[in-house]
Amino acid sequence: MADYQTNMSCSFPVGAGNAAAALALYEQMEAELDAAGEEIGFKAESDDPSNDQLWLWDGDGQANVENIIAYALKCAAAFNLTGLWGFHWSLSCSRAVVDAFGGGAQLLDLGRRESLGWIDCQHWLAMRLGTGEPCAVLAETALHPVAAAQGWTPTTQVSVLLGFIDSLIAADPAVADQLRSHLADVSAEPDEVLCRECGAPMFAAVGGTSHHVGAGMDGIDYDRDRDHTAVADTGLLASGTPQEPAP
């Protein structure tokens, strides 16, 4: 019988002097999930309570990615954490079962308490095979047509810039606030567009990959994504008003 594993190991910055409180938050979350008959799916440890880093790892090889994300965002809210943080994981198996191996990564904006993007090897490959898009779609210079029509570049996407600002100048909130205000004015998000295949709202993630809008933590409708690739109808905004594509 095959033994499937999800492995991960990373450092998580919780802020100076917050390690003990962060571990207490972990124990509380673990107890709540245990009471509901669920396992937390990862371990949190610290060699020194005065340290500002926790070690997060899978423990028994069964990492629960969603719970790790939820814990990171809980800590971000509790300790007012800012900046970008992420982690990656690997999928393995004790036997050479077809499609049992892979991995993924998640990028979070701690200051905004949200997921900025993710990648899963199997999902990424299935989409590329289905659409015939080249691997360059994930390169920094690759942009979704809607984003390109709005004049976006990868470095001007607001959520990424705000996280970068928070990570570099958190010591000077006044300057950070001025830059946030400026970016909000000059880098407004483009109008929401609809998928031309099904008419549902869709968006382009940071790497250029398109997704249908869902109600989950990362805002992605995985059922629609599995059914077909989200392709923007650039001539129709979410309001339903026909528009001419931008030149």
Protein backbone atom coordinates (compact mmCIF):
# COMPACT_ATOMS: atom_id res chain seq x y z
CA MET A 1 0.00 0.00 0.00
CA ALA A 2 1.36 3.43 -0.94
CA ASP A 3 2.27 5.93 1.77
CA TYR A 4 1.70 9.52 0.63
CA GLN A 5 3.56 12.41 2.29
CA THR A 6 3.44 16.19 2.27
CA ASN A 7 6.69 17.60 3.64
CA MET A 8 7.66 21.17 4.51
CA SER A 9 10.12 23.00 6.77
CA CYS A 10 10.64 26.74 7.07
CA SER A 11 11.28 29.68 9.38
CA PHE A 12 8.43 32.05 10.23
CA PRO A 13 9.25 35.56 11.57
CA VAL A 14 6.87 36.43 14.41
CA GLY A 15 8.60 39.61 15.61
CA ALA A 16 11.07 40.20 18.42
CA GLY A 17 9.88 38.76 21.74
CA ASN A 18 6.75 37.18 20.26
CA ALA A 19 7.92 33.56 20.02
CA ALA A 20 6.35 32.42 23.30
CA ALA A 21 3.02 34.09 22.51
CA ALA A 22 3.09 32.65 18.99
CA LEU A 23 3.60 29.15 20.41
CA ALA A 24 0.67 29.70 22.76
CA LEU A 25 -1.42 30.71 19.74
CA TYR A 26 -0.33 27.50 18.02
CA GLU A 27 -1.37 25.39 21.04
CA GLN A 28 -4.76 27.14 21.14
CA MET A 29 -5.35 26.46 17.44
CA GLU A 30 -4.24 22.84 17.87
CA ALA A 31 -6.65 22.35 20.78
CA GLU A 32 -9.56 23.86 18.85
CA LEU A 33 -8.95 21.61 15.85
CA ASP A 34 -8.50 18.56 18.11
CA ALA A 35 -11.85 19.29 19.75
CA ALA A 36 -13.40 19.33 16.27
CA GLY A 37 -11.81 15.97 15.46
CA GLU A 38 -9.17 17.41 13.14
CA GLU A 39 -5.37 17.48 13.20
CA ILE A 40 -3.44 20.72 12.86
CA GLY A 41 -1.03 19.13 10.39
CA PHE A 42 2.25 20.85 11.30
CA LYS A 43 4.59 21.58 14.22
CA ALA A 44 5.76 24.94 15.58
CA GLU A 45 8.92 25.13 17.70
CA SER A 46 11.40 27.68 19.03
CA ASP A 47 14.81 27.14 20.63
CA ASP A 48 14.66 30.49 22.42
CA PRO A 49 11.43 32.24 23.59
CA SER A 50 13.16 35.59 23.00
CA ASN A 51 13.84 34.69 19.36
CA ASP A 52 11.82 36.28 16.57
CA GLN A 53 11.68 33.14 14.43
CA LEU A 54 9.63 29.96 14.73
CA TRP A 55 10.44 26.69 13.02
CA LEU A 56 7.40 25.34 11.19
CA TRP A 57 7.61 21.80 9.85
CA ASP A 58 5.36 18.90 8.88
CA GLY A 59 6.06 16.74 11.93
CA ASP A 60 4.79 13.41 10.62
CA GLY A 61 5.00 14.04 6.89
CA GLN A 62 1.35 15.06 6.61
CA ALA A 63 1.56 18.85 6.39
CA ASN A 64 -1.75 20.70 6.20
CA VAL A 65 -1.03 23.67 3.95
CA GLU A 66 -4.34 25.44 4.66
CA ASN A 67 -3.75 25.29 8.43
CA ILE A 68 -0.22 26.68 8.04
CA ILE A 69 -1.65 29.62 6.09
CA ALA A 70 -4.37 30.16 8.68
CA TYR A 71 -1.82 30.09 11.51
CA ALA A 72 0.48 32.57 9.77
CA LEU A 73 -2.40 35.00 9.26
CA LYS A 74 -3.51 34.57 12.89
CA CYS A 75 0.00 35.51 14.02
CA ALA A 76 0.06 38.43 11.58
CA ALA A 77 -3.12 39.81 13.12
CA ALA A 78 -2.04 39.13 16.72
CA PHE A 79 1.45 40.67 16.41
CA ASN A 80 0.77 43.25 13.69
CA LEU A 81 3.24 41.57 11.32
CA THR A 82 3.96 43.16 7.94
CA GLY A 83 5.80 42.30 4.75
CA LEU A 84 5.81 39.31 2.44
CA TRP A 85 6.30 35.74 3.63
CA GLY A 86 5.83 32.36 2.06
CA PHE A 87 6.73 28.69 2.17
CA HIS A 88 6.90 25.70 -0.13
CA TRP A 89 6.20 22.01 0.24
CA SER A 90 6.87 18.72 -1.52
CA LEU A 91 4.58 15.80 -2.30
CA SER A 92 6.11 12.33 -2.12
CA CYS A 93 5.09 8.69 -2.04
CA SER A 94 6.62 5.43 -0.82
CA ARG A 95 5.92 3.86 -4.22
CA ALA A 96 6.30 5.12 -7.77
CA VAL A 97 2.58 5.87 -8.13
CA VAL A 98 1.80 7.90 -11.25
CA ASP A 99 1.21 11.62 -10.49
CA ALA A 100 1.95 11.13 -6.77
CA PHE A 101 4.97 13.45 -6.76
CA GLY A 102 4.98 17.21 -6.93
CA GLY A 103 4.95 20.27 -4.76
CA GLY A 104 3.83 23.85 -4.43
CA ALA A 105 4.39 27.22 -2.80
CA GLN A 106 2.30 29.95 -1.19
CA LEU A 107 2.98 33.71 -0.99
CA LEU A 108 1.32 35.77 1.76
CA ASP A 109 1.13 39.49 2.47
CA LEU A 110 1.19 39.53 6.27
CA GLY A 111 0.32 43.22 6.52
CA ARG A 112 -2.81 42.82 4.40
CA ARG A 113 -3.63 39.41 5.97
CA GLU A 114 -4.14 37.74 2.61
CA SER A 115 -2.73 35.32 0.07
CA LEU A 116 -1.07 36.98 -2.92
CA GLY A 117 -0.63 33.84 -4.97
CA TRP A 118 0.21 30.17 -5.05
CA ILE A 119 1.49 27.50 -7.40
CA ASP A 120 0.89 23.75 -7.46
CA CYS A 121 2.98 21.69 -9.88
CA GLN A 122 0.18 19.35 -10.97
CA HIS A 123 -2.38 22.15 -11.38
CA TRP A 124 0.12 24.33 -13.27
CA LEU A 125 1.07 21.53 -15.68
CA ALA A 126 -2.58 20.56 -16.30
CA MET A 127 -3.43 24.15 -17.20
CA ARG A 128 -0.41 24.51 -19.51
CA LEU A 129 -1.25 21.23 -21.26
CA GLY A 130 -4.87 22.30 -21.64
CA THR A 131 -4.14 25.74 -23.05
CA GLY A 132 -0.85 25.20 -24.83
CA GLU A 133 0.58 28.28 -23.12
CA PRO A 134 4.39 28.27 -22.89
CA CYS A 135 6.17 28.02 -19.55
CA ALA A 136 7.13 31.68 -19.90
CA VAL A 137 3.64 32.55 -18.63
CA LEU A 138 5.14 32.47 -15.13
CA ALA A 139 8.12 34.65 -16.01
CA GLU A 140 8.27 38.14 -14.52
CA THR A 141 7.67 39.75 -17.91
CA ALA A 142 4.58 37.67 -18.71
CA LEU A 143 1.32 39.54 -18.11
CA HIS A 144 -2.31 38.60 -18.51
CA PRO A 145 -3.86 40.50 -21.48
CA VAL A 146 -6.22 42.41 -19.18
CA ALA A 147 -3.35 43.59 -16.98
CA ALA A 148 -1.31 44.54 -20.04
CA ALA A 149 -4.23 46.52 -21.45
CA GLN A 150 -4.36 48.53 -18.23
CA GLY A 151 -0.67 49.37 -18.47
CA TRP A 152 0.35 47.22 -15.49
CA THR A 153 3.82 45.81 -14.95
CA PRO A 154 4.65 43.07 -12.41
CA THR A 155 6.44 45.61 -10.19
CA THR A 156 3.44 47.94 -9.94
CA GLN A 157 0.89 45.52 -8.60
CA VAL A 158 -0.32 47.19 -5.47
CA SER A 159 -0.42 44.23 -3.10
CA VAL A 160 3.18 43.23 -3.82
CA LEU A 161 4.45 46.79 -3.50
CA LEU A 162 2.70 47.34 -0.18
CA GLY A 163 4.26 44.19 1.23
CA PHE A 164 7.69 45.25 -0.02
CA ILE A 165 7.27 48.70 1.54
CA ASP A 166 6.19 47.20 4.86
CA SER A 167 9.19 44.87 4.95
CA LEU A 168 11.72 47.65 4.26
CA ILE A 169 10.47 50.72 6.10
CA ALA A 170 8.31 49.35 8.91
CA ALA A 171 10.45 51.39 11.31
CA ASP A 172 9.05 54.62 9.81
CA PRO A 173 5.24 54.29 9.60
CA ALA A 174 4.79 57.89 8.46
CA VAL A 175 6.79 57.31 5.28
CA ALA A 176 5.04 53.99 4.66
CA ASP A 177 1.62 55.66 4.99
CA GLN A 178 2.59 58.35 2.47
CA LEU A 179 3.73 55.75 -0.05
CA ARG A 180 0.61 53.63 0.46
CA SER A 181 -1.57 56.67 -0.19
CA HIS A 182 0.37 57.51 -3.33
CA LEU A 183 0.19 53.94 -4.66
CA ALA A 184 -3.53 53.76 -3.99
CA ASP A 185 -3.97 56.82 -6.22
CA VAL A 186 -1.74 55.85 -9.14
CA SER A 187 -2.06 52.04 -9.16
CA ALA A 188 -5.79 51.42 -8.84
CA GLU A 189 -6.87 47.88 -9.63
CA PRO A 190 -8.33 47.36 -13.14
CA ASP A 191 -12.03 46.66 -13.58
CA GLU A 192 -13.10 43.11 -12.85
CA VAL A 193 -13.59 41.09 -16.01
CA LEU A 194 -15.61 38.02 -16.85
CA CYS A 195 -14.46 34.68 -18.19
CA ARG A 196 -15.49 34.37 -21.84
CA GLU A 197 -16.04 30.62 -21.39
CA CYS A 198 -18.55 30.71 -18.51
CA GLY A 199 -19.23 34.39 -17.74
CA ALA A 200 -18.01 34.11 -14.12
CA PRO A 201 -15.74 36.79 -12.59
CA MET A 202 -12.01 36.08 -13.01
CA PHE A 203 -8.66 37.68 -12.23
CA ALA A 204 -4.97 37.40 -13.05
CA ALA A 205 -2.65 36.36 -10.20
CA VAL A 206 0.76 37.91 -9.53
CA GLY A 207 2.59 35.46 -11.81
CA GLY A 208 0.19 36.06 -14.71
CA THR A 209 -1.86 32.87 -14.18
CA SER A 210 -5.62 33.42 -14.48
CA HIS A 211 -8.22 32.08 -12.02
CA HIS A 212 -11.97 32.18 -11.51
CA VAL A 213 -13.05 34.18 -8.46
CA GLY A 214 -14.08 32.04 -5.49
CA ALA A 215 -15.08 32.49 -1.86
CA GLY A 216 -12.08 30.72 -0.31
CA MET A 217 -9.14 32.22 1.57
CA ASP A 218 -7.14 32.75 -1.61
CA GLY A 219 -10.14 33.94 -3.64
CA ILE A 220 -9.94 31.11 -6.20
CA ASP A 221 -12.80 28.91 -7.47
CA TYR A 222 -10.91 25.63 -7.95
CA ASP A 223 -13.94 23.77 -9.34
CA ARG A 224 -14.28 26.20 -12.24
CA ASP A 225 -10.50 26.22 -12.73
CA ARG A 226 -10.51 22.43 -13.07
CA ASP A 227 -13.37 22.59 -15.55
CA HIS A 228 -11.67 25.09 -17.89
CA THR A 229 -9.02 27.79 -17.95
CA ALA A 230 -10.22 31.27 -17.10
CA VAL A 231 -9.85 33.41 -20.22
CA ALA A 232 -10.81 37.07 -19.99
CA ASP A 233 -13.40 38.59 -22.27
CA THR A 234 -11.64 41.94 -22.62
CA GLY A 235 -14.65 43.43 -24.40
CA LEU A 236 -17.03 42.93 -21.46
CA LEU A 237 -16.61 44.32 -17.95
CA ALA A 238 -18.22 42.71 -14.90
CA SER A 239 -20.94 45.36 -15.05
CA GLY A 240 -22.12 43.71 -18.26
CA THR A 241 -21.48 46.82 -20.33
CA PRO A 242 -19.74 46.11 -23.66
CA GLN A 243 -16.40 47.87 -23.88
CA GLU A 244 -13.81 48.32 -26.57
CA PRO A 245 -10.49 46.67 -25.64
CA ALA A 246 -7.83 49.15 -24.66
CA PRO A 247 -5.37 49.90 -27.49
